[in-house]
PDB file of N, CA and C in Angstrom:
ATOM      1  N   UNK A   1      -0.381 -29.211 -38.708  1.00  0.00           N
ATOM      2  CA  UNK A   1      -0.709 -28.503 -39.849  1.00  0.00           C
ATOM      3  C   UNK A   1       0.923 -27.353 -40.223  1.00  0.00           C
ATOM      4  N   UNK A   2       1.137 -27.168 -41.782  1.00  0.00           N
ATOM      5  CA  UNK A   2       1.750 -25.882 -41.448  1.00  0.00           C
ATOM      6  C   UNK A   2       1.227 -24.768 -42.256  1.00  0.00           C
ATOM      7  N   UNK A   3       1.508 -23.432 -42.685  1.00  0.00           N
ATOM      8  CA  UNK A   3       0.673 -22.782 -42.537  1.00  0.00           C
ATOM      9  C   UNK A   3       0.668 -22.728 -44.047  1.00  0.00           C
ATOM     10  N   UNK A   4       1.482 -22.970 -44.409  1.00  0.00           N
ATOM     11  CA  UNK A   4       1.301 -23.379 -46.300  1.00  0.00           C
ATOM     12  C   UNK A   4      -0.079 -24.213 -46.135  1.00  0.00           C
ATOM     13  N   UNK A   5      -0.211 -25.477 -45.767  1.00  0.00           N
ATOM     14  CA  UNK A   5      -1.539 -26.429 -45.879  1.00  0.00           C
ATOM     15  C   UNK A   5      -2.786 -25.505 -45.330  1.00  0.00           C
ATOM     16  N   UNK A   6      -2.636 -24.552 -44.121  1.00  0.00           N
ATOM     17  CA  UNK A   6      -3.747 -24.296 -43.514  1.00  0.00           C
ATOM     18  C   UNK A   6      -4.207 -23.368 -44.140  1.00  0.00           C
ATOM     19  N   UNK A   7      -3.334 -22.075 -45.148  1.00  0.00           N
ATOM     20  CA  UNK A   7      -4.137 -21.496 -45.999  1.00  0.00           C
ATOM     21  C   UNK A   7      -4.661 -22.014 -47.709  1.00  0.00           C
ATOM     22  N   UNK A   8      -4.189 -23.067 -47.850  1.00  0.00           N
ATOM     23  CA  UNK A   8      -4.606 -23.676 -48.887  1.00  0.00           C
ATOM     24  C   UNK A   8      -5.847 -24.586 -48.354  1.00  0.00           C
ATOM     25  N   UNK A   9      -6.216 -24.912 -47.254  1.00  0.00           N
ATOM     26  CA  UNK A   9      -7.686 -25.305 -46.747  1.00  0.00           C
ATOM     27  C   UNK A   9      -8.651 -24.705 -46.674  1.00  0.00           C
ATOM     28  N   UNK A  10      -7.899 -23.443 -46.171  1.00  0.00           N
ATOM     29  CA  UNK A  10      -8.813 -21.848 -46.399  1.00  0.00           C
ATOM     30  C   UNK A  10      -9.550 -21.296 -47.154  1.00  0.00           C
ATOM     31  N   UNK A  11      -8.627 -21.450 -48.746  1.00  0.00           N
ATOM     32  CA  UNK A  11      -8.913 -21.399 -50.163  1.00  0.00           C
ATOM     33  C   UNK A  11      -9.536 -22.410 -50.601  1.00  0.00           C
ATOM     34  N   UNK A  12      -9.566 -23.362 -50.026  1.00  0.00           N
ATOM     35  CA  UNK A  12     -10.103 -24.127 -50.793  1.00  0.00           C
ATOM     36  C   UNK A  12     -11.959 -24.638 -50.515  1.00  0.00           C
ATOM     37  N   UNK A  13     -12.128 -24.332 -48.989  1.00  0.00           N
ATOM     38  CA  UNK A  13     -13.197 -24.335 -48.235  1.00  0.00           C
ATOM     39  C   UNK A  13     -13.849 -22.799 -48.811  1.00  0.00           C
ATOM     40  N   UNK A  14     -13.008 -21.860 -49.196  1.00  0.00           N
ATOM     41  CA  UNK A  14     -13.972 -20.430 -49.682  1.00  0.00           C
ATOM     42  C   UNK A  14     -14.107 -20.518 -51.016  1.00  0.00           C
ATOM     43  N   UNK A  15     -13.776 -21.251 -51.826  1.00  0.00           N
ATOM     44  CA  UNK A  15     -14.160 -21.263 -53.163  1.00  0.00           C
ATOM     45  C   UNK A  15     -15.114 -22.862 -52.881  1.00  0.00           C
ATOM     46  N   UNK A  16     -15.228 -23.332 -52.374  1.00  0.00           N
ATOM     47  CA  UNK A  16     -16.291 -24.408 -52.250  1.00  0.00           C
ATOM     48  C   UNK A  16     -17.778 -23.770 -51.751  1.00  0.00           C
ATOM     49  N   UNK A  17     -17.530 -22.472 -50.974  1.00  0.00           N
ATOM     50  CA  UNK A  17     -18.710 -21.920 -50.061  1.00  0.00           C
ATOM     51  C   UNK A  17     -19.130 -20.963 -51.526  1.00  0.00           C
ATOM     52  N   UNK A  18     -18.152 -20.293 -51.970  1.00  0.00           N
ATOM     53  CA  UNK A  18     -18.928 -19.805 -52.988  1.00  0.00           C
ATOM     54  C   UNK A  18     -19.523 -19.958 -54.280  1.00  0.00           C
ATOM     55  N   UNK A  19     -19.005 -20.750 -54.465  1.00  0.00           N
ATOM     56  CA  UNK A  19     -19.645 -22.187 -55.595  1.00  0.00           C
ATOM     57  C   UNK A  19     -20.870 -22.458 -54.910  1.00  0.00           C
ATOM     58  N   UNK A  20     -21.172 -23.307 -53.853  1.00  0.00           N
ATOM     59  CA  UNK A  20     -22.250 -23.348 -53.802  1.00  0.00           C
ATOM     60  C   UNK A  20     -23.172 -22.357 -53.155  1.00  0.00           C
ATOM     61  N   UNK A  21     -22.694 -20.826 -52.749  1.00  0.00           N
ATOM     62  CA  UNK A  21     -23.921 -20.145 -52.226  1.00  0.00           C
ATOM     63  C   UNK A  21     -24.088 -19.416 -53.990  1.00  0.00           C
ATOM     64  N   UNK A  22     -23.131 -19.588 -55.224  1.00  0.00           N
ATOM     65  CA  UNK A  22     -23.810 -18.944 -56.453  1.00  0.00           C
ATOM     66  C   UNK A  22     -24.834 -19.971 -56.558  1.00  0.00           C
ATOM     67  N   UNK A  23     -24.701 -21.392 -57.025  1.00  0.00           N
ATOM     68  CA  UNK A  23     -25.391 -22.034 -56.840  1.00  0.00           C
ATOM     69  C   UNK A  23     -26.944 -22.252 -56.278  1.00  0.00           C
ATOM     70  N   UNK A  24     -26.968 -22.033 -55.595  1.00  0.00           N
ATOM     71  CA  UNK A  24     -28.565 -21.570 -54.583  1.00  0.00           C
ATOM     72  C   UNK A  24     -28.379 -20.409 -54.586  1.00  0.00           C
ATOM     73  N   UNK A  25     -27.899 -19.314 -54.989  1.00  0.00           N
ATOM     74  CA  UNK A  25     -28.201 -17.658 -55.432  1.00  0.00           C
ATOM     75  C   UNK A  25     -28.942 -18.145 -57.044  1.00  0.00           C
ATOM     76  N   UNK A  26     -28.361 -18.530 -57.990  1.00  0.00           N
ATOM     77  CA  UNK A  26     -28.728 -18.841 -59.422  1.00  0.00           C
ATOM     78  C   UNK A  26     -30.220 -20.035 -59.118  1.00  0.00           C
ATOM     79  N   UNK A  27     -30.247 -20.649 -58.396  1.00  0.00           N
ATOM     80  CA  UNK A  27     -31.138 -21.597 -58.018  1.00  0.00           C
ATOM     81  C   UNK A  27     -32.509 -20.715 -58.271  1.00  0.00           C
ATOM     82  N   UNK A  28     -32.335 -19.715 -56.794  1.00  0.00           N
ATOM     83  CA  UNK A  28     -33.232 -19.256 -56.655  1.00  0.00           C
ATOM     84  C   UNK A  28     -33.774 -17.691 -57.598  1.00  0.00           C
ATOM     85  N   UNK A  29     -32.728 -17.669 -58.219  1.00  0.00           N
ATOM     86  CA  UNK A  29     -33.446 -16.365 -59.599  1.00  0.00           C
ATOM     87  C   UNK A  29     -33.597 -16.960 -60.279  1.00  0.00           C
ATOM     88  N   UNK A  30     -33.578 -18.325 -60.798  1.00  0.00           N
ATOM     89  CA  UNK A  30     -34.403 -19.315 -61.862  1.00  0.00           C
ATOM     90  C   UNK A  30     -35.587 -19.380 -61.771  1.00  0.00           C
ATOM     91  N   UNK A  31     -35.922 -20.075 -60.157  1.00  0.00           N
ATOM     92  CA  UNK A  31     -37.140 -20.400 -59.593  1.00  0.00           C
ATOM     93  C   UNK A  31     -38.036 -18.785 -60.087  1.00  0.00           C
ATOM     94  N   UNK A  32     -37.766 -17.635 -59.826  1.00  0.00           N
ATOM     95  CA  UNK A  32     -38.350 -16.120 -59.516  1.00  0.00           C
ATOM     96  C   UNK A  32     -38.733 -16.126 -60.979  1.00  0.00           C
ATOM     97  N   UNK A  33     -37.830 -16.504 -61.750  1.00  0.00           N
ATOM     98  CA  UNK A  33     -37.966 -16.023 -63.136  1.00  0.00           C
ATOM     99  C   UNK A  33     -39.472 -17.505 -64.199  1.00  0.00           C
ATOM    100  N   UNK A  34     -39.099 -18.361 -63.257  1.00  0.00           N
ATOM    101  CA  UNK A  34     -39.596 -19.585 -63.907  1.00  0.00           C
ATOM    102  C   UNK A  34     -41.710 -18.843 -63.357  1.00  0.00           C
ATOM    103  N   UNK A  35     -41.363 -18.459 -61.913  1.00  0.00           N
ATOM    104  CA  UNK A  35     -43.021 -18.308 -61.785  1.00  0.00           C
ATOM    105  C   UNK A  35     -43.436 -16.911 -62.290  1.00  0.00           C
ATOM    106  N   UNK A  36     -42.452 -16.245 -62.462  1.00  0.00           N
ATOM    107  CA  UNK A  36     -42.654 -14.709 -63.024  1.00  0.00           C
ATOM    108  C   UNK A  36     -43.425 -14.941 -64.464  1.00  0.00           C
ATOM    109  N   UNK A  37     -43.022 -15.790 -65.353  1.00  0.00           N
ATOM    110  CA  UNK A  37     -43.618 -16.705 -66.265  1.00  0.00           C
ATOM    111  C   UNK A  37     -44.111 -17.408 -66.708  1.00  0.00           C
ATOM    112  N   UNK A  38     -44.412 -17.970 -65.202  1.00  0.00           N
ATOM    113  CA  UNK A  38     -46.123 -19.039 -65.090  1.00  0.00           C
ATOM    114  C   UNK A  38     -47.330 -18.607 -65.179  1.00  0.00           C
ATOM    115  N   UNK A  39     -47.006 -16.779 -64.395  1.00  0.00           N
ATOM    116  CA  UNK A  39     -48.420 -16.199 -63.512  1.00  0.00           C
ATOM    117  C   UNK A  39     -48.539 -15.586 -64.918  1.00  0.00           C
ATOM    118  N   UNK A  40     -47.470 -15.110 -65.710  1.00  0.00           N
ATOM    119  CA  UNK A  40     -47.575 -13.804 -67.130  1.00  0.00           C
ATOM    120  C   UNK A  40     -48.642 -14.776 -68.015  1.00  0.00           C
ATOM    121  N   UNK A  41     -48.082 -16.589 -68.675  1.00  0.00           N
ATOM    122  CA  UNK A  41     -48.660 -16.992 -69.392  1.00  0.00           C
ATOM    123  C   UNK A  41     -49.479 -18.372 -69.130  1.00  0.00           C
ATOM    124  N   UNK A  42     -49.080 -18.707 -67.887  1.00  0.00           N
ATOM    125  CA  UNK A  42     -49.635 -19.793 -67.418  1.00  0.00           C
ATOM    126  C   UNK A  42     -49.261 -21.061 -67.382  1.00  0.00           C
ATOM    127  N   UNK A  43     -47.789 -20.988 -68.008  1.00  0.00           N
ATOM    128  CA  UNK A  43     -47.166 -22.255 -68.164  1.00  0.00           C
ATOM    129  C   UNK A  43     -45.630 -22.345 -68.339  1.00  0.00           C
ATOM    130  N   UNK A  44     -44.725 -22.755 -68.382  1.00  0.00           N
ATOM    131  CA  UNK A  44     -43.476 -22.538 -68.677  1.00  0.00           C
ATOM    132  C   UNK A  44     -43.043 -23.560 -69.370  1.00  0.00           C
ATOM    133  N   UNK A  45     -41.523 -23.061 -70.119  1.00  0.00           N
ATOM    134  CA  UNK A  45     -41.758 -24.291 -71.214  1.00  0.00           C
ATOM    135  C   UNK A  45     -40.158 -23.745 -71.445  1.00  0.00           C
ATOM    136  N   UNK A  46     -39.142 -24.887 -71.229  1.00  0.00           N
ATOM    137  CA  UNK A  46     -37.838 -24.879 -71.413  1.00  0.00           C
ATOM    138  C   UNK A  46     -37.175 -25.697 -72.656  1.00  0.00           C
ATOM    139  N   UNK A  47     -36.296 -25.744 -72.861  1.00  0.00           N
ATOM    140  CA  UNK A  47     -35.717 -27.093 -73.803  1.00  0.00           C
ATOM    141  C   UNK A  47     -34.119 -26.162 -74.247  1.00  0.00           C
ATOM    142  N   UNK A  48     -33.351 -27.433 -73.508  1.00  0.00           N
ATOM    143  CA  UNK A  48     -31.852 -27.038 -74.025  1.00  0.00           C
ATOM    144  C   UNK A  48     -31.190 -28.296 -74.746  1.00  0.00           C
ATOM    145  N   UNK A  49     -30.891 -28.101 -76.187  1.00  0.00           N
ATOM    146  CA  UNK A  49     -30.612 -29.074 -77.192  1.00  0.00           C
ATOM    147  C   UNK A  49     -28.771 -29.346 -77.233  1.00  0.00           C
ATOM    148  N   UNK A  50     -28.467 -28.567 -76.125  1.00  0.00           N
ATOM    149  CA  UNK A  50     -26.595 -29.164 -76.218  1.00  0.00           C
ATOM    150  C   UNK A  50     -26.280 -29.606 -75.086  1.00  0.00           C
ATOM    151  N   UNK A  51     -25.788 -30.667 -75.531  1.00  0.00           N
ATOM    152  CA  UNK A  51     -25.672 -31.684 -74.080  1.00  0.00           C
ATOM    153  C   UNK A  51     -24.777 -31.723 -73.176  1.00  0.00           C
ATOM    154  N   UNK A  52     -23.798 -30.465 -73.506  1.00  0.00           N
ATOM    155  CA  UNK A  52     -22.494 -30.104 -72.272  1.00  0.00           C
ATOM    156  C   UNK A  52     -23.272 -29.347 -71.521  1.00  0.00           C
ATOM    157  N   UNK A  53     -24.004 -28.630 -71.909  1.00  0.00           N
ATOM    158  CA  UNK A  53     -24.789 -27.125 -71.670  1.00  0.00           C
ATOM    159  C   UNK A  53     -25.665 -28.230 -70.081  1.00  0.00           C
ATOM    160  N   UNK A  54     -26.427 -29.199 -70.854  1.00  0.00           N
ATOM    161  CA  UNK A  54     -27.697 -29.971 -70.362  1.00  0.00           C
ATOM    162  C   UNK A  54     -26.561 -30.719 -68.866  1.00  0.00           C
ATOM    163  N   UNK A  55     -25.640 -31.337 -69.480  1.00  0.00           N
ATOM    164  CA  UNK A  55     -24.426 -32.018 -68.259  1.00  0.00           C
ATOM    165  C   UNK A  55     -24.144 -31.189 -66.856  1.00  0.00           C
ATOM    166  N   UNK A  56     -23.793 -29.922 -67.643  1.00  0.00           N
ATOM    167  CA  UNK A  56     -23.270 -29.211 -67.108  1.00  0.00           C
ATOM    168  C   UNK A  56     -23.849 -28.419 -65.636  1.00  0.00           C
ATOM    169  N   UNK A  57     -25.462 -28.308 -65.918  1.00  0.00           N
ATOM    170  CA  UNK A  57     -26.604 -27.752 -65.579  1.00  0.00           C
ATOM    171  C   UNK A  57     -27.092 -28.764 -64.288  1.00  0.00           C
ATOM    172  N   UNK A  58     -27.334 -30.143 -64.892  1.00  0.00           N
ATOM    173  CA  UNK A  58     -27.011 -31.226 -63.594  1.00  0.00           C
ATOM    174  C   UNK A  58     -26.230 -31.362 -63.121  1.00  0.00           C
ATOM    175  N   UNK A  59     -24.882 -31.290 -63.426  1.00  0.00           N
ATOM    176  CA  UNK A  59     -24.197 -30.953 -62.243  1.00  0.00           C
ATOM    177  C   UNK A  59     -24.220 -30.579 -61.232  1.00  0.00           C
ATOM    178  N   UNK A  60     -24.071 -28.902 -62.004  1.00  0.00           N
ATOM    179  CA  UNK A  60     -24.224 -28.148 -60.783  1.00  0.00           C
ATOM    180  C   UNK A  60     -25.135 -28.266 -59.945  1.00  0.00           C
ATOM    181  N   UNK A  61     -26.306 -28.501 -60.259  1.00  0.00           N
ATOM    182  CA  UNK A  61     -27.637 -28.720 -59.581  1.00  0.00           C
ATOM    183  C   UNK A  61     -27.398 -29.787 -58.335  1.00  0.00           C
ATOM    184  N   UNK A  62     -26.647 -31.052 -58.762  1.00  0.00           N
ATOM    185  CA  UNK A  62     -26.486 -31.549 -57.587  1.00  0.00           C
ATOM    186  C   UNK A  62     -25.542 -30.719 -56.513  1.00  0.00           C
ATOM    187  N   UNK A  63     -24.599 -30.668 -57.413  1.00  0.00           N
ATOM    188  CA  UNK A  63     -23.707 -29.994 -56.147  1.00  0.00           C
ATOM    189  C   UNK A  63     -24.445 -29.115 -55.637  1.00  0.00           C
ATOM    190  N   UNK A  64     -25.303 -28.583 -55.674  1.00  0.00           N
ATOM    191  CA  UNK A  64     -26.333 -27.085 -55.047  1.00  0.00           C
ATOM    192  C   UNK A  64     -27.153 -27.815 -54.073  1.00  0.00           C
ATOM    193  N   UNK A  65     -27.266 -29.123 -54.286  1.00  0.00           N
ATOM    194  CA  UNK A  65     -28.202 -30.130 -53.734  1.00  0.00           C
ATOM    195  C   UNK A  65     -27.331 -30.503 -52.562  1.00  0.00           C
ATOM    196  N   UNK A  66     -26.319 -30.934 -52.809  1.00  0.00           N
ATOM    197  CA  UNK A  66     -25.734 -31.701 -51.802  1.00  0.00           C
ATOM    198  C   UNK A  66     -24.588 -30.665 -50.440  1.00  0.00           C
ATOM    199  N   UNK A  67     -24.458 -29.637 -51.108  1.00  0.00           N
ATOM    200  CA  UNK A  67     -23.926 -28.337 -50.266  1.00  0.00           C
ATOM    201  C   UNK A  67     -25.183 -27.905 -49.534  1.00  0.00           C
ATOM    202  N   UNK A  68     -26.417 -27.346 -49.912  1.00  0.00           N
ATOM    203  CA  UNK A  68     -27.704 -27.186 -49.415  1.00  0.00           C
ATOM    204  C   UNK A  68     -28.108 -28.045 -47.783  1.00  0.00           C
ATOM    205  N   UNK A  69     -27.797 -29.299 -48.706  1.00  0.00           N
ATOM    206  CA  UNK A  69     -28.018 -30.305 -47.062  1.00  0.00           C
ATOM    207  C   UNK A  69     -26.895 -29.929 -46.203  1.00  0.00           C
ATOM    208  N   UNK A  70     -25.569 -29.951 -46.644  1.00  0.00           N
ATOM    209  CA  UNK A  70     -24.267 -29.539 -46.192  1.00  0.00           C
ATOM    210  C   UNK A  70     -24.650 -28.522 -45.276  1.00  0.00           C
ATOM    211  N   UNK A  71     -25.094 -27.569 -45.350  1.00  0.00           N
ATOM    212  CA  UNK A  71     -25.056 -26.342 -44.686  1.00  0.00           C
ATOM    213  C   UNK A  71     -26.560 -26.302 -43.842  1.00  0.00           C
ATOM    214  N   UNK A  72     -27.470 -27.480 -44.162  1.00  0.00           N
ATOM    215  CA  UNK A  72     -28.758 -27.070 -43.511  1.00  0.00           C
ATOM    216  C   UNK A  72     -28.415 -27.737 -42.198  1.00  0.00           C
ATOM    217  N   UNK A  73     -27.840 -29.354 -42.409  1.00  0.00           N
ATOM    218  CA  UNK A  73     -27.067 -30.097 -41.310  1.00  0.00           C
ATOM    219  C   UNK A  73     -26.184 -29.344 -40.463  1.00  0.00           C
ATOM    220  N   UNK A  74     -25.300 -28.853 -40.638  1.00  0.00           N
ATOM    221  CA  UNK A  74     -24.174 -28.458 -40.367  1.00  0.00           C
ATOM    222  C   UNK A  74     -25.393 -26.629 -39.205  1.00  0.00           C
ATOM    223  N   UNK A  75     -26.077 -26.213 -39.882  1.00  0.00           N
ATOM    224  CA  UNK A  75     -27.364 -24.927 -39.195  1.00  0.00           C
ATOM    225  C   UNK A  75     -27.842 -25.506 -38.048  1.00  0.00           C
ATOM    226  N   UNK A  76     -28.130 -27.155 -38.209  1.00  0.00           N
ATOM    227  CA  UNK A  76     -28.939 -28.049 -37.167  1.00  0.00           C
ATOM    228  C   UNK A  76     -28.464 -28.251 -35.919  1.00  0.00           C
ATOM    229  N   UNK A  77     -27.430 -29.047 -36.546  1.00  0.00           N
ATOM    230  CA  UNK A  77     -26.328 -28.868 -35.320  1.00  0.00           C
ATOM    231  C   UNK A  77     -25.828 -28.210 -34.539  1.00  0.00           C
ATOM    232  N   UNK A  78     -25.316 -26.785 -35.186  1.00  0.00           N
ATOM    233  CA  UNK A  78     -24.740 -25.444 -34.275  1.00  0.00           C
ATOM    234  C   UNK A  78     -26.278 -25.085 -33.286  1.00  0.00           C
ATOM    235  N   UNK A  79     -27.475 -25.336 -33.432  1.00  0.00           N
ATOM    236  CA  UNK A  79     -28.469 -24.759 -32.473  1.00  0.00           C
ATOM    237  C   UNK A  79     -28.404 -25.253 -31.144  1.00  0.00           C
ATOM    238  N   UNK A  80     -28.096 -27.298 -31.488  1.00  0.00           N
ATOM    239  CA  UNK A  80     -28.170 -28.004 -30.099  1.00  0.00           C
ATOM    240  C   UNK A  80     -27.038 -27.663 -29.381  1.00  0.00           C
TER     241      UNK A  80
END
């Protein structure tokens, strides 16, 4: 591989890891907000009326799930 290809590959990996960790961090933050609301009111209700935002949220959720499974598998294999 050339130096340019290696730099591009590294940048893509950094971008994917940044996006993945941001999605996981956002999911943890949202979960804390939901649990706090449940503790205060006894329930949590959310409605999203914008289909574009809903689609984007679902896409990011699937990306976070795939990223989490990838990192979990990578971690388990590094222990062996």
